[in-house]
Amino acid sequence: MTPENSPPSLIQLPTFIFFFFFTVLPRTHSRDHSLPYGDCRSSFECGIMKELSYPFWRNQQSHCGRQGFELQCQPHEYPVINMENQTFIVLEIEQNSQWMKLARSDVWNGTCPLLDTQLNHPPFSFSATGIRNLSIFHGCQVGSTISEQAYNFSCTTKNGSIGYDYVLWEAFTGPAKLCYLQFTVPVLITAYDQLVHRSLTLKEALNEGFIAVYHFEEEEFCRKCRTSRGTCVRSMNATQVLCFCDNGGLQKTPCLKHGKSLPFCLSAVRS
């Protein structure tokens, strides 16, 4: 056997093992697990919005965010989000305070509302302050109390334009049989007050949106992860939330100083 092909001597073996395990294996192991999270490391843009991050995600990158927080993005437009089979235009996102300003996409596009605005399941809910509800009616009987106090507006259906009446009452308890249809739509308090004084149209008020808040179980962990210069991500099987560190490590705790993680931390996140 020639010297070039001879195996490492016993003296060289410890050095060979050290080199193999601490240079070759860690890179391979980290590459296999951290590669899908490369797009999660920094914040992302969605339409006209910038600096978005976990729990929001886009483009089928569900491992970068939380279920229910997917944003649909189009260049130079507001993002869109789906909740309870309703679609909303996202006018603003404040991630530090965890609230969003939303507008119903059907009303935004001038389409007649056909359902109440529904936002009554975790992690989303209406803001306890800052909004009022409008009661919107259609086909009210002439001479009824509703008809006497109503404002009028028109919207579009598949069959063309249709006229609606609406009243600025937070909780209407009158007889529903006086009108053909009734819907409840939230608006900002400021818009509500402007409607009362007739300085704003209904469409303008609805297009200003309303405030919705959100909470998620791992928000405290993600705050600590961000503080350690890590990025919150979800495991590929979506069973747990992990902190993705600067060196490509994934772990169940925040990163160490300077965004680094413990050696071989990836083995701790297997499920």
Protein backbone atom coordinates (compact mmCIF):
# COMPACT_ATOMS: atom_id res chain seq x y z
CA MET A 1 0.00 0.00 0.00
CA THR A 2 1.42 3.34 -0.99
CA PRO A 3 1.88 6.11 1.58
CA GLU A 4 -0.69 8.25 -0.21
CA ASN A 5 -3.42 5.64 0.27
CA SER A 6 -2.50 4.45 3.73
CA PRO A 7 -5.08 5.01 6.49
CA PRO A 8 -4.43 7.54 9.27
CA SER A 9 -2.05 6.30 11.93
CA LEU A 10 -3.19 5.85 15.50
CA ILE A 11 -1.41 9.06 16.40
CA GLN A 12 -3.25 10.97 13.71
CA LEU A 13 -6.65 9.42 14.44
CA PRO A 14 -7.78 11.73 17.30
CA THR A 15 -6.95 14.76 15.17
CA PHE A 16 -8.87 13.27 12.26
CA ILE A 17 -11.94 12.54 14.42
CA PHE A 18 -11.87 16.07 15.92
CA PHE A 19 -11.66 17.62 12.47
CA PHE A 20 -14.45 15.44 11.07
CA PHE A 21 -16.99 15.98 13.86
CA PHE A 22 -16.38 19.67 14.52
CA THR A 23 -16.02 20.92 10.94
CA VAL A 24 -17.64 18.57 8.46
CA LEU A 25 -20.60 17.22 10.43
CA PRO A 26 -21.84 20.48 12.01
CA ARG A 27 -21.94 22.23 8.65
CA THR A 28 -23.80 19.37 7.00
CA HIS A 29 -26.23 19.00 9.89
CA SER A 30 -26.89 22.72 10.05
CA ARG A 31 -27.27 23.00 6.30
CA ASP A 32 -29.88 20.24 6.15
CA HIS A 33 -32.02 21.82 8.86
CA SER A 34 -31.48 25.57 8.54
CA LEU A 35 -31.66 25.96 4.76
CA PRO A 36 -35.51 26.26 4.68
CA TYR A 37 -35.30 29.08 7.24
CA GLY A 38 -32.97 31.32 5.26
CA ASP A 39 -35.90 33.39 4.01
CA CYS A 40 -37.21 33.78 7.57
CA ARG A 41 -34.09 35.44 8.95
CA SER A 42 -34.95 39.02 8.02
CA SER A 43 -38.19 40.96 7.80
CA PHE A 44 -40.11 40.94 4.53
CA GLU A 45 -42.17 43.26 2.37
CA CYS A 46 -45.73 42.62 1.30
CA GLY A 47 -47.11 45.05 -1.24
CA ILE A 48 -46.68 48.56 0.15
CA MET A 49 -45.85 47.31 3.67
CA LYS A 50 -42.32 46.76 4.92
CA GLU A 51 -40.53 45.30 7.94
CA LEU A 52 -42.99 42.47 8.55
CA SER A 53 -42.00 39.35 10.49
CA TYR A 54 -43.34 36.47 12.59
CA PRO A 55 -46.22 35.66 13.10
CA PHE A 56 -46.93 36.94 9.57
CA TRP A 57 -45.73 35.07 6.50
CA ARG A 58 -46.23 34.98 2.73
CA ASN A 59 -45.71 32.89 -0.42
CA GLN A 60 -46.31 29.45 1.11
CA GLN A 61 -43.54 30.01 3.68
CA SER A 62 -45.64 28.68 6.54
CA HIS A 63 -42.51 27.68 8.48
CA CYS A 64 -41.71 31.41 8.78
CA GLY A 65 -44.96 32.29 10.57
CA ARG A 66 -48.06 31.15 12.38
CA GLN A 67 -51.14 29.49 10.94
CA GLY A 68 -53.83 32.07 10.20
CA PHE A 69 -51.37 34.92 9.61
CA GLU A 70 -50.68 34.36 5.91
CA LEU A 71 -50.64 37.56 3.85
CA GLN A 72 -51.43 37.69 0.16
CA CYS A 73 -49.13 40.19 -1.50
CA GLN A 74 -49.36 42.16 -4.74
CA PRO A 75 -46.87 44.83 -5.85
CA HIS A 76 -47.81 48.40 -4.83
CA GLU A 77 -51.00 47.25 -3.10
CA TYR A 78 -52.21 46.63 0.44
CA PRO A 79 -51.81 43.04 1.72
CA VAL A 80 -54.87 40.82 2.02
CA ILE A 81 -55.66 38.39 4.84
CA ASN A 82 -58.42 35.77 5.16
CA MET A 83 -60.29 35.25 8.43
CA GLU A 84 -63.36 33.08 9.01
CA ASN A 85 -64.10 32.87 5.28
CA GLN A 86 -63.99 36.64 4.94
CA THR A 87 -61.30 38.62 3.15
CA PHE A 88 -59.86 41.83 4.57
CA ILE A 89 -57.59 44.53 3.20
CA VAL A 90 -54.73 45.13 5.65
CA LEU A 91 -54.31 48.91 5.88
CA GLU A 92 -51.80 48.95 8.72
CA ILE A 93 -49.90 46.55 10.98
CA GLU A 94 -48.36 47.55 14.32
CA GLN A 95 -46.40 44.50 15.45
CA ASN A 96 -45.05 46.01 18.68
CA SER A 97 -48.56 46.68 19.96
CA GLN A 98 -50.05 43.71 18.06
CA TRP A 99 -52.92 45.32 16.22
CA MET A 100 -54.00 45.71 12.61
CA LYS A 101 -56.25 48.11 10.77
CA LEU A 102 -58.53 46.12 8.46
CA ALA A 103 -61.20 46.91 5.88
CA ARG A 104 -63.60 44.43 4.32
CA SER A 105 -62.51 43.71 0.79
CA ASP A 106 -66.07 43.49 -0.54
CA VAL A 107 -67.01 46.92 0.81
CA TRP A 108 -63.60 48.30 -0.23
CA ASN A 109 -64.35 47.30 -3.81
CA GLY A 110 -67.84 48.79 -3.69
CA THR A 111 -69.62 45.44 -3.37
CA CYS A 112 -72.71 45.20 -1.20
CA PRO A 113 -72.06 43.46 2.15
CA LEU A 114 -73.89 40.16 2.46
CA LEU A 115 -72.66 39.06 5.90
CA ASP A 116 -71.89 40.58 9.28
CA THR A 117 -68.23 41.31 9.86
CA GLN A 118 -67.01 38.28 11.80
CA LEU A 119 -63.89 38.38 13.92
CA ASN A 120 -64.69 36.47 17.05
CA HIS A 121 -62.16 33.68 17.36
CA PRO A 122 -58.55 33.56 18.60
CA PRO A 123 -56.03 34.84 17.79
CA PHE A 124 -58.00 37.80 16.37
CA SER A 125 -60.64 39.97 17.98
CA PHE A 126 -62.13 43.41 17.65
CA SER A 127 -60.42 46.16 19.59
CA ALA A 128 -62.23 46.88 22.84
CA THR A 129 -61.77 50.58 22.18
CA GLY A 130 -61.57 52.62 19.05
CA ILE A 131 -64.46 51.18 17.03
CA ARG A 132 -68.25 51.46 16.80
CA ASN A 133 -70.68 49.23 14.95
CA LEU A 134 -72.89 50.40 12.12
CA SER A 135 -76.22 48.72 11.51
CA ILE A 136 -76.88 48.57 7.78
CA PHE A 137 -80.36 47.83 6.44
CA HIS A 138 -81.93 47.19 3.06
CA GLY A 139 -85.55 47.26 1.96
CA CYS A 140 -86.98 49.07 4.98
CA GLN A 141 -90.67 49.85 4.99
CA VAL A 142 -91.58 53.40 4.06
CA GLY A 143 -92.58 55.40 7.12
CA SER A 144 -90.82 53.09 9.56
CA THR A 145 -88.61 54.52 12.31
CA ILE A 146 -85.58 53.13 10.49
CA SER A 147 -86.55 54.74 7.23
CA GLU A 148 -87.06 58.12 8.89
CA GLN A 149 -83.61 58.14 10.51
CA ALA A 150 -81.61 56.38 7.81
CA TYR A 151 -78.86 57.58 5.54
CA ASN A 152 -78.80 56.20 2.02
CA PHE A 153 -76.01 54.72 -0.07
CA SER A 154 -75.70 52.39 -3.04
CA CYS A 155 -73.40 49.47 -3.76
CA THR A 156 -72.97 46.90 -6.49
CA THR A 157 -74.30 43.36 -6.74
CA LYS A 158 -74.10 40.79 -9.52
CA ASN A 159 -77.37 42.19 -10.84
CA GLY A 160 -76.22 45.82 -10.75
CA SER A 161 -76.65 48.60 -8.21
CA ILE A 162 -78.78 48.26 -5.12
CA GLY A 163 -79.84 50.85 -2.57
CA TYR A 164 -79.18 50.45 1.15
CA ASP A 165 -80.32 52.38 4.18
CA TYR A 166 -78.18 52.59 7.30
CA VAL A 167 -78.48 54.06 10.77
CA LEU A 168 -75.73 55.08 13.16
CA TRP A 169 -76.82 52.95 16.05
CA GLU A 170 -74.34 50.89 18.01
CA ALA A 171 -76.84 48.17 18.91
CA PHE A 172 -80.11 48.25 17.01
CA THR A 173 -82.93 46.30 18.67
CA GLY A 174 -85.86 47.35 16.51
CA PRO A 175 -88.09 44.84 14.70
CA ALA A 176 -86.03 43.17 11.98
CA LYS A 177 -89.17 42.45 9.93
CA LEU A 178 -89.34 46.14 9.00
CA CYS A 179 -86.36 45.60 6.70
CA TYR A 180 -85.38 42.93 4.23
CA LEU A 181 -81.72 42.62 5.28
CA GLN A 182 -79.57 43.79 8.18
CA PHE A 183 -75.77 43.72 8.59
CA THR A 184 -73.33 44.89 11.24
CA VAL A 185 -70.06 46.48 10.17
CA PRO A 186 -67.43 48.06 12.50
CA VAL A 187 -65.88 51.47 11.81
CA LEU A 188 -63.41 53.68 13.64
CA ILE A 189 -64.90 55.94 16.31
CA THR A 190 -63.50 58.97 14.49
CA ALA A 191 -65.23 57.88 11.29
CA TYR A 192 -68.42 57.18 13.22
CA ASP A 193 -68.45 60.72 14.62
CA GLN A 194 -67.84 62.19 11.16
CA LEU A 195 -70.75 60.17 9.80
CA VAL A 196 -72.99 61.57 12.50
CA HIS A 197 -72.04 65.09 11.45
CA ARG A 198 -72.34 64.20 7.76
CA SER A 199 -68.72 65.18 7.04
CA LEU A 200 -67.90 61.70 5.76
CA THR A 201 -69.72 59.33 3.41
CA LEU A 202 -70.45 55.75 4.41
CA LYS A 203 -68.09 54.33 1.81
CA GLU A 204 -65.30 56.62 3.04
CA ALA A 205 -65.94 55.55 6.64
CA LEU A 206 -65.95 51.84 5.77
CA ASN A 207 -62.77 52.20 3.72
CA GLU A 208 -60.96 53.67 6.73
CA GLY A 209 -61.32 50.23 8.29
CA PHE A 210 -61.40 49.18 11.93
CA ILE A 211 -58.92 48.03 14.55
CA ALA A 212 -58.37 44.33 15.27
CA VAL A 213 -55.98 42.99 17.89
CA TYR A 214 -54.19 39.66 17.90
CA HIS A 215 -52.36 37.48 20.41
CA PHE A 216 -50.52 34.18 20.12
CA GLU A 217 -49.21 31.79 22.76
CA GLU A 218 -45.53 32.10 21.86
CA GLU A 219 -45.38 35.90 21.75
CA GLU A 220 -43.22 36.16 24.91
CA PHE A 221 -40.77 33.54 23.60
CA CYS A 222 -40.55 35.32 20.24
CA ARG A 223 -39.90 38.65 21.95
CA LYS A 224 -36.94 37.12 23.80
CA CYS A 225 -35.76 35.44 20.60
CA ARG A 226 -35.77 38.77 18.74
CA THR A 227 -33.94 40.44 21.64
CA SER A 228 -31.21 37.81 21.30
CA ARG A 229 -30.96 38.69 17.59
CA GLY A 230 -32.71 35.50 16.57
CA THR A 231 -35.77 34.92 14.41
CA CYS A 232 -38.90 33.07 15.48
CA VAL A 233 -39.81 30.19 13.14
CA ARG A 234 -41.95 27.07 13.24
CA SER A 235 -40.58 23.56 13.03
CA MET A 236 -41.12 21.89 9.66
CA ASN A 237 -43.81 19.65 11.17
CA ALA A 238 -45.44 22.78 12.73
CA THR A 239 -45.42 21.27 16.24
CA GLN A 240 -43.30 23.88 17.99
CA VAL A 241 -41.82 27.37 17.75
CA LEU A 242 -38.03 27.69 17.59
CA CYS A 243 -35.43 30.45 17.64
CA PHE A 244 -33.32 30.60 14.47
CA CYS A 245 -29.88 32.05 15.31
CA ASP A 246 -27.28 33.86 13.21
CA ASN A 247 -25.13 30.77 12.76
CA GLY A 248 -28.04 28.72 11.38
CA GLY A 249 -28.78 26.94 14.65
CA LEU A 250 -32.33 26.14 15.75
CA GLN A 251 -33.18 25.91 19.43
CA LYS A 252 -35.98 25.99 21.96
CA THR A 253 -34.41 28.89 23.88
CA PRO A 254 -33.24 32.37 22.81
CA CYS A 255 -29.82 32.62 21.17
CA LEU A 256 -26.64 33.23 23.13
CA LYS A 257 -24.72 36.50 22.83
CA HIS A 258 -24.39 37.96 19.34
CA GLY A 259 -27.10 35.70 17.95
CA LYS A 260 -25.09 32.49 18.29
CA SER A 261 -26.43 29.16 19.48
CA LEU A 262 -25.09 26.20 21.38
CA PRO A 263 -23.19 23.51 19.41
CA PHE A 264 -25.33 20.62 18.24
CA CYS A 265 -28.52 22.43 19.37
CA LEU A 266 -30.37 21.05 16.36
CA SER A 267 -30.64 17.63 17.93
CA ALA A 268 -32.77 19.15 20.67
CA VAL A 269 -35.56 20.22 18.34
CA ARG A 270 -36.37 16.86 16.83
CA SER A 271 -39.91 15.72 17.50
